N, C-alpha and C. Protein backbone atom coordinates (compact mmCIF):
# COMPACT_ATOMS: atom_id res chain seq x y z
N MET A 1 0.84 -1.18 0.00
CA MET A 1 0.00 0.00 0.00
C MET A 1 0.88 1.24 0.00
N MET A 2 0.50 2.21 -0.79
CA MET A 2 1.25 3.44 -0.92
C MET A 2 0.66 4.50 0.02
N THR A 3 1.49 5.16 0.82
CA THR A 3 0.99 6.15 1.76
C THR A 3 0.79 7.52 1.12
N ASP A 4 1.57 7.84 0.09
CA ASP A 4 1.45 9.16 -0.53
C ASP A 4 1.52 9.03 -2.06
N PRO A 5 0.38 8.81 -2.71
CA PRO A 5 0.39 8.60 -4.16
C PRO A 5 0.79 9.84 -4.96
N ILE A 6 0.52 11.03 -4.45
CA ILE A 6 0.90 12.25 -5.18
C ILE A 6 2.41 12.39 -5.18
N SER A 7 3.05 12.10 -4.06
CA SER A 7 4.50 12.14 -4.00
C SER A 7 5.12 11.12 -4.94
N ASP A 8 4.50 9.95 -5.03
CA ASP A 8 4.97 8.92 -5.97
C ASP A 8 4.86 9.41 -7.41
N MET A 9 3.78 10.08 -7.73
CA MET A 9 3.60 10.63 -9.08
C MET A 9 4.68 11.66 -9.41
N LEU A 10 4.94 12.56 -8.48
CA LEU A 10 5.96 13.59 -8.70
C LEU A 10 7.34 12.97 -8.85
N THR A 11 7.62 11.92 -8.06
CA THR A 11 8.91 11.24 -8.14
C THR A 11 9.08 10.54 -9.48
N ARG A 12 8.02 9.92 -9.97
CA ARG A 12 8.08 9.25 -11.28
C ARG A 12 8.36 10.27 -12.39
N ILE A 13 7.69 11.42 -12.33
CA ILE A 13 7.92 12.47 -13.35
C ILE A 13 9.34 13.00 -13.23
N ARG A 14 9.79 13.26 -12.00
CA ARG A 14 11.14 13.78 -11.77
C ARG A 14 12.20 12.80 -12.30
N ASN A 15 12.03 11.51 -12.02
CA ASN A 15 12.99 10.50 -12.48
C ASN A 15 12.99 10.38 -14.00
N ALA A 16 11.82 10.46 -14.62
CA ALA A 16 11.73 10.38 -16.08
C ALA A 16 12.42 11.57 -16.74
N ILE A 17 12.28 12.74 -16.16
CA ILE A 17 12.95 13.93 -16.70
C ILE A 17 14.46 13.78 -16.60
N ARG A 18 14.94 13.34 -15.45
CA ARG A 18 16.39 13.17 -15.26
C ARG A 18 16.97 12.08 -16.15
N ALA A 19 16.16 11.05 -16.48
CA ALA A 19 16.63 9.97 -17.35
C ALA A 19 16.50 10.33 -18.83
N GLY A 20 15.84 11.45 -19.14
CA GLY A 20 15.72 11.90 -20.52
C GLY A 20 14.58 11.26 -21.28
N HIS A 21 13.59 10.71 -20.59
CA HIS A 21 12.45 10.09 -21.25
C HIS A 21 11.49 11.16 -21.77
N THR A 22 10.72 10.81 -22.79
CA THR A 22 9.73 11.74 -23.34
C THR A 22 8.34 11.49 -22.79
N LYS A 23 8.13 10.31 -22.17
CA LYS A 23 6.84 10.01 -21.57
C LYS A 23 7.04 9.12 -20.35
N VAL A 24 6.03 9.13 -19.48
CA VAL A 24 6.07 8.31 -18.27
C VAL A 24 4.65 7.87 -17.95
N ASP A 25 4.50 6.63 -17.49
CA ASP A 25 3.20 6.10 -17.06
C ASP A 25 3.14 6.10 -15.55
N ILE A 26 2.02 6.57 -15.02
CA ILE A 26 1.81 6.58 -13.57
C ILE A 26 0.45 5.96 -13.28
N PRO A 27 0.28 5.34 -12.11
CA PRO A 27 -1.04 4.82 -11.75
C PRO A 27 -2.06 5.96 -11.69
N GLY A 28 -3.26 5.71 -12.19
CA GLY A 28 -4.23 6.78 -12.35
C GLY A 28 -5.17 6.99 -11.19
N SER A 29 -5.60 8.25 -11.04
CA SER A 29 -6.66 8.65 -10.13
C SER A 29 -7.16 10.01 -10.59
N LYS A 30 -8.30 10.44 -10.08
CA LYS A 30 -8.85 11.74 -10.46
C LYS A 30 -7.95 12.89 -10.01
N THR A 31 -7.41 12.77 -8.81
CA THR A 31 -6.53 13.82 -8.29
C THR A 31 -5.29 13.98 -9.15
N LYS A 32 -4.67 12.86 -9.51
CA LYS A 32 -3.47 12.90 -10.35
C LYS A 32 -3.79 13.45 -11.73
N ALA A 33 -4.95 13.10 -12.28
CA ALA A 33 -5.35 13.62 -13.59
C ALA A 33 -5.56 15.13 -13.52
N ASN A 34 -6.12 15.63 -12.43
CA ASN A 34 -6.31 17.07 -12.27
C ASN A 34 -4.98 17.80 -12.10
N ILE A 35 -4.03 17.17 -11.40
CA ILE A 35 -2.70 17.77 -11.27
C ILE A 35 -2.03 17.83 -12.64
N CYS A 36 -2.17 16.77 -13.44
CA CYS A 36 -1.61 16.78 -14.80
C CYS A 36 -2.26 17.85 -15.65
N LYS A 37 -3.55 18.08 -15.47
CA LYS A 37 -4.25 19.13 -16.22
C LYS A 37 -3.67 20.50 -15.90
N VAL A 38 -3.40 20.75 -14.62
CA VAL A 38 -2.80 22.02 -14.22
C VAL A 38 -1.39 22.15 -14.81
N LEU A 39 -0.60 21.07 -14.76
CA LEU A 39 0.74 21.10 -15.34
C LEU A 39 0.69 21.39 -16.84
N LYS A 40 -0.29 20.84 -17.53
CA LYS A 40 -0.44 21.09 -18.97
C LYS A 40 -0.87 22.53 -19.22
N ASP A 41 -1.84 23.02 -18.45
CA ASP A 41 -2.31 24.40 -18.63
C ASP A 41 -1.22 25.42 -18.36
N GLU A 42 -0.33 25.11 -17.43
CA GLU A 42 0.76 26.03 -17.10
C GLU A 42 1.97 25.86 -18.03
N GLY A 43 1.95 24.85 -18.89
CA GLY A 43 3.01 24.68 -19.89
C GLY A 43 4.20 23.86 -19.43
N TYR A 44 4.04 23.06 -18.39
CA TYR A 44 5.15 22.25 -17.89
C TYR A 44 5.24 20.88 -18.55
N ILE A 45 4.13 20.37 -19.09
CA ILE A 45 4.15 19.11 -19.83
C ILE A 45 3.45 19.33 -21.17
N ARG A 46 3.77 18.47 -22.15
CA ARG A 46 3.13 18.59 -23.47
C ARG A 46 1.66 18.20 -23.39
N SER A 47 1.39 17.01 -22.88
CA SER A 47 0.01 16.54 -22.76
C SER A 47 -0.02 15.32 -21.86
N PHE A 48 -1.21 14.81 -21.64
CA PHE A 48 -1.38 13.57 -20.89
C PHE A 48 -2.65 12.90 -21.39
N LYS A 49 -2.70 11.59 -21.23
CA LYS A 49 -3.93 10.87 -21.56
C LYS A 49 -4.11 9.71 -20.61
N ILE A 50 -5.37 9.33 -20.43
CA ILE A 50 -5.70 8.24 -19.53
C ILE A 50 -5.76 6.96 -20.35
N VAL A 51 -4.96 5.98 -19.93
CA VAL A 51 -4.88 4.70 -20.62
C VAL A 51 -5.47 3.64 -19.70
N ALA A 52 -6.48 2.93 -20.17
CA ALA A 52 -7.11 1.89 -19.36
C ALA A 52 -6.96 0.55 -20.07
N LYS A 53 -6.15 -0.34 -19.51
CA LYS A 53 -6.00 -1.68 -20.07
C LYS A 53 -7.14 -2.57 -19.58
N GLU A 54 -7.48 -2.44 -18.33
CA GLU A 54 -8.60 -3.15 -17.72
C GLU A 54 -9.36 -2.15 -16.86
N ILE A 55 -10.45 -2.57 -16.29
CA ILE A 55 -11.25 -1.66 -15.46
C ILE A 55 -10.47 -1.24 -14.23
N ASN A 56 -9.75 -2.15 -13.60
CA ASN A 56 -9.01 -1.84 -12.37
C ASN A 56 -7.59 -1.37 -12.63
N ASP A 57 -7.14 -1.35 -13.88
CA ASP A 57 -5.76 -0.97 -14.19
C ASP A 57 -5.76 0.29 -15.06
N ILE A 58 -5.95 1.43 -14.42
CA ILE A 58 -5.97 2.70 -15.13
C ILE A 58 -4.64 3.39 -14.91
N LYS A 59 -4.04 3.85 -16.00
CA LYS A 59 -2.77 4.57 -15.94
C LYS A 59 -2.90 5.91 -16.63
N ILE A 60 -2.09 6.85 -16.22
CA ILE A 60 -2.02 8.15 -16.88
C ILE A 60 -0.67 8.22 -17.57
N ARG A 61 -0.68 8.45 -18.86
CA ARG A 61 0.56 8.60 -19.63
C ARG A 61 0.83 10.09 -19.79
N VAL A 62 1.96 10.55 -19.24
CA VAL A 62 2.33 11.96 -19.27
C VAL A 62 3.44 12.14 -20.30
N TYR A 63 3.21 13.05 -21.26
CA TYR A 63 4.20 13.37 -22.27
C TYR A 63 4.95 14.63 -21.82
N LEU A 64 6.25 14.49 -21.63
CA LEU A 64 7.07 15.54 -21.02
C LEU A 64 7.64 16.49 -22.06
N LYS A 65 7.84 17.73 -21.65
CA LYS A 65 8.55 18.71 -22.46
C LYS A 65 10.01 18.68 -22.07
N GLU A 66 10.86 18.98 -23.01
CA GLU A 66 12.29 19.00 -22.72
C GLU A 66 12.64 20.33 -22.05
N ASN A 67 13.33 20.28 -20.93
CA ASN A 67 13.81 21.44 -20.17
C ASN A 67 12.68 22.36 -19.68
N ALA A 68 11.48 21.84 -19.48
CA ALA A 68 10.39 22.68 -18.98
C ALA A 68 10.32 22.66 -17.45
N ILE A 69 10.55 21.51 -16.86
CA ILE A 69 10.48 21.38 -15.40
C ILE A 69 11.90 21.27 -14.85
N VAL A 70 12.24 22.20 -13.96
CA VAL A 70 13.53 22.16 -13.29
C VAL A 70 13.41 21.32 -12.02
N GLN A 71 12.33 21.54 -11.26
CA GLN A 71 12.15 20.83 -9.99
C GLN A 71 10.67 20.68 -9.68
N LEU A 72 10.31 19.55 -9.14
CA LEU A 72 8.99 19.26 -8.59
C LEU A 72 9.18 19.01 -7.10
N GLU A 73 8.38 19.65 -6.28
CA GLU A 73 8.57 19.54 -4.84
C GLU A 73 7.22 19.37 -4.16
N ARG A 74 7.10 18.36 -3.32
CA ARG A 74 5.87 18.11 -2.58
C ARG A 74 5.83 19.05 -1.39
N ALA A 75 4.81 19.87 -1.28
CA ALA A 75 4.71 20.84 -0.19
C ALA A 75 3.96 20.25 1.00
N SER A 76 2.83 19.64 0.76
CA SER A 76 2.01 19.07 1.81
C SER A 76 2.19 17.55 1.80
N SER A 77 2.18 16.95 2.95
CA SER A 77 2.33 15.49 3.02
C SER A 77 1.21 14.93 3.91
N PRO A 78 1.03 13.61 3.91
CA PRO A 78 -0.04 13.06 4.75
C PRO A 78 0.17 13.35 6.24
N GLY A 79 1.40 13.46 6.68
CA GLY A 79 1.65 13.73 8.09
C GLY A 79 1.65 15.19 8.45
N LEU A 80 1.81 16.07 7.46
CA LEU A 80 1.86 17.50 7.72
C LEU A 80 1.21 18.24 6.55
N ARG A 81 -0.04 18.55 6.71
CA ARG A 81 -0.78 19.27 5.68
C ARG A 81 -0.46 20.75 5.77
N ARG A 82 -0.28 21.39 4.60
CA ARG A 82 0.00 22.82 4.55
C ARG A 82 -1.14 23.53 3.84
N TYR A 83 -1.74 24.47 4.55
CA TYR A 83 -2.86 25.23 4.02
C TYR A 83 -2.47 26.70 3.94
N ALA A 84 -3.08 27.41 3.00
CA ALA A 84 -2.82 28.84 2.87
C ALA A 84 -4.05 29.53 2.33
N GLY A 85 -4.34 30.70 2.86
CA GLY A 85 -5.38 31.54 2.28
C GLY A 85 -4.85 32.16 1.00
N TYR A 86 -5.72 32.74 0.18
CA TYR A 86 -5.27 33.24 -1.11
C TYR A 86 -4.27 34.38 -0.98
N GLN A 87 -4.30 35.12 0.12
CA GLN A 87 -3.33 36.20 0.30
C GLN A 87 -1.98 35.69 0.79
N LYS A 88 -1.94 34.49 1.35
CA LYS A 88 -0.70 33.92 1.91
C LYS A 88 -0.10 32.82 1.04
N ILE A 89 -0.57 32.64 -0.19
CA ILE A 89 -0.01 31.62 -1.06
C ILE A 89 1.42 32.01 -1.40
N PRO A 90 2.40 31.14 -1.12
CA PRO A 90 3.80 31.52 -1.35
C PRO A 90 4.14 31.63 -2.84
N ARG A 91 5.07 32.53 -3.13
CA ARG A 91 5.57 32.67 -4.50
C ARG A 91 6.68 31.65 -4.69
N VAL A 92 6.66 30.96 -5.80
CA VAL A 92 7.64 29.92 -6.09
C VAL A 92 8.69 30.51 -7.02
N CYS A 93 9.95 30.46 -6.61
CA CYS A 93 11.07 30.99 -7.40
C CYS A 93 10.81 32.42 -7.85
N SER A 94 10.41 33.27 -6.94
CA SER A 94 10.14 34.68 -7.20
C SER A 94 9.11 34.88 -8.31
N GLY A 95 8.13 34.02 -8.37
CA GLY A 95 7.06 34.15 -9.35
C GLY A 95 7.28 33.38 -10.64
N LEU A 96 8.45 32.75 -10.82
CA LEU A 96 8.71 32.00 -12.04
C LEU A 96 8.05 30.62 -12.02
N GLY A 97 7.80 30.09 -10.84
CA GLY A 97 7.16 28.79 -10.72
C GLY A 97 5.71 28.94 -10.30
N VAL A 98 5.10 27.81 -10.03
CA VAL A 98 3.69 27.81 -9.66
C VAL A 98 3.45 26.75 -8.58
N SER A 99 2.50 27.03 -7.70
CA SER A 99 2.05 26.05 -6.72
C SER A 99 0.74 25.44 -7.22
N ILE A 100 0.53 24.19 -6.89
CA ILE A 100 -0.73 23.53 -7.23
C ILE A 100 -1.49 23.32 -5.94
N LEU A 101 -2.73 23.81 -5.90
CA LEU A 101 -3.54 23.79 -4.68
C LEU A 101 -4.80 22.97 -4.86
N SER A 102 -5.23 22.35 -3.78
CA SER A 102 -6.52 21.68 -3.73
C SER A 102 -7.46 22.62 -2.99
N THR A 103 -8.44 23.17 -3.70
CA THR A 103 -9.34 24.16 -3.14
C THR A 103 -10.79 23.69 -3.25
N SER A 104 -11.69 24.52 -2.80
CA SER A 104 -13.12 24.22 -2.94
C SER A 104 -13.56 24.32 -4.40
N LYS A 105 -12.77 24.96 -5.24
CA LYS A 105 -13.05 25.07 -6.68
C LYS A 105 -12.37 23.97 -7.48
N GLY A 106 -11.73 23.02 -6.80
CA GLY A 106 -11.01 21.93 -7.46
C GLY A 106 -9.51 22.12 -7.33
N ILE A 107 -8.76 21.35 -8.08
CA ILE A 107 -7.30 21.46 -8.07
C ILE A 107 -6.91 22.49 -9.11
N ILE A 108 -6.30 23.59 -8.64
CA ILE A 108 -5.96 24.70 -9.52
C ILE A 108 -4.56 25.22 -9.21
N SER A 109 -4.04 26.06 -10.08
CA SER A 109 -2.73 26.66 -9.87
C SER A 109 -2.84 27.84 -8.91
N SER A 110 -1.71 28.27 -8.39
CA SER A 110 -1.70 29.40 -7.46
C SER A 110 -2.14 30.68 -8.16
N ARG A 111 -1.83 30.83 -9.42
CA ARG A 111 -2.26 32.02 -10.17
C ARG A 111 -3.78 32.08 -10.27
N GLU A 112 -4.38 30.94 -10.57
CA GLU A 112 -5.83 30.87 -10.67
C GLU A 112 -6.49 31.07 -9.31
N ALA A 113 -5.87 30.54 -8.25
CA ALA A 113 -6.41 30.68 -6.90
C ALA A 113 -6.43 32.14 -6.47
N LYS A 114 -5.39 32.88 -6.83
CA LYS A 114 -5.35 34.30 -6.48
C LYS A 114 -6.41 35.08 -7.25
N LYS A 115 -6.66 34.70 -8.51
CA LYS A 115 -7.71 35.36 -9.29
C LYS A 115 -9.09 35.09 -8.71
N LEU A 116 -9.33 33.83 -8.31
CA LEU A 116 -10.62 33.44 -7.76
C LEU A 116 -10.77 33.79 -6.28
N LYS A 117 -9.67 34.21 -5.65
CA LYS A 117 -9.62 34.56 -4.23
C LYS A 117 -10.07 33.39 -3.35
N VAL A 118 -9.43 32.22 -3.61
CA VAL A 118 -9.67 31.04 -2.78
C VAL A 118 -8.33 30.48 -2.31
N GLY A 119 -8.32 29.94 -1.12
CA GLY A 119 -7.14 29.28 -0.59
C GLY A 119 -7.40 27.80 -0.48
N GLY A 120 -6.40 27.07 0.00
CA GLY A 120 -6.57 25.64 0.15
C GLY A 120 -5.27 24.97 0.53
N GLU A 121 -5.23 23.67 0.33
CA GLU A 121 -4.04 22.89 0.66
C GLU A 121 -3.03 23.00 -0.48
N ILE A 122 -1.80 23.33 -0.15
CA ILE A 122 -0.74 23.43 -1.16
C ILE A 122 -0.20 22.02 -1.39
N LEU A 123 -0.50 21.45 -2.56
CA LEU A 123 -0.07 20.09 -2.86
C LEU A 123 1.40 20.03 -3.25
N CYS A 124 1.82 20.86 -4.21
CA CYS A 124 3.20 20.81 -4.68
C CYS A 124 3.60 22.12 -5.33
N ASN A 125 4.90 22.29 -5.50
CA ASN A 125 5.47 23.46 -6.17
C ASN A 125 6.24 22.98 -7.40
N VAL A 126 6.13 23.71 -8.49
CA VAL A 126 6.80 23.37 -9.73
C VAL A 126 7.52 24.60 -10.26
N TRP A 127 8.75 24.42 -10.70
CA TRP A 127 9.47 25.49 -11.37
C TRP A 127 10.45 24.93 -12.34
């Protein structure tokens, strides 16, 4: 059993980037698919698609961009959740990066959260 599936997803993407791969498969879930959607909207990955071999075996295939992601960092963990209001959302790399938040409006980027004036749990930082 995996205790932190989001951290596992970020580690798989980080390892694929360092190994020079153009795509990576990760075990699928709605939360991971929404995180991939935010990464695509912000321009950190080329695209992603959901691949289902069987009903219980759903994977997300992430197509990576070359030199787009420098670092992926898990901010909140199962043992220590980090929450922030929209005014206290931290800037990542002096505004060059983005935080991904789980809010009442869904999983969105820090830029979108500030526009919508909603806070939430900071899942990860990307730059």
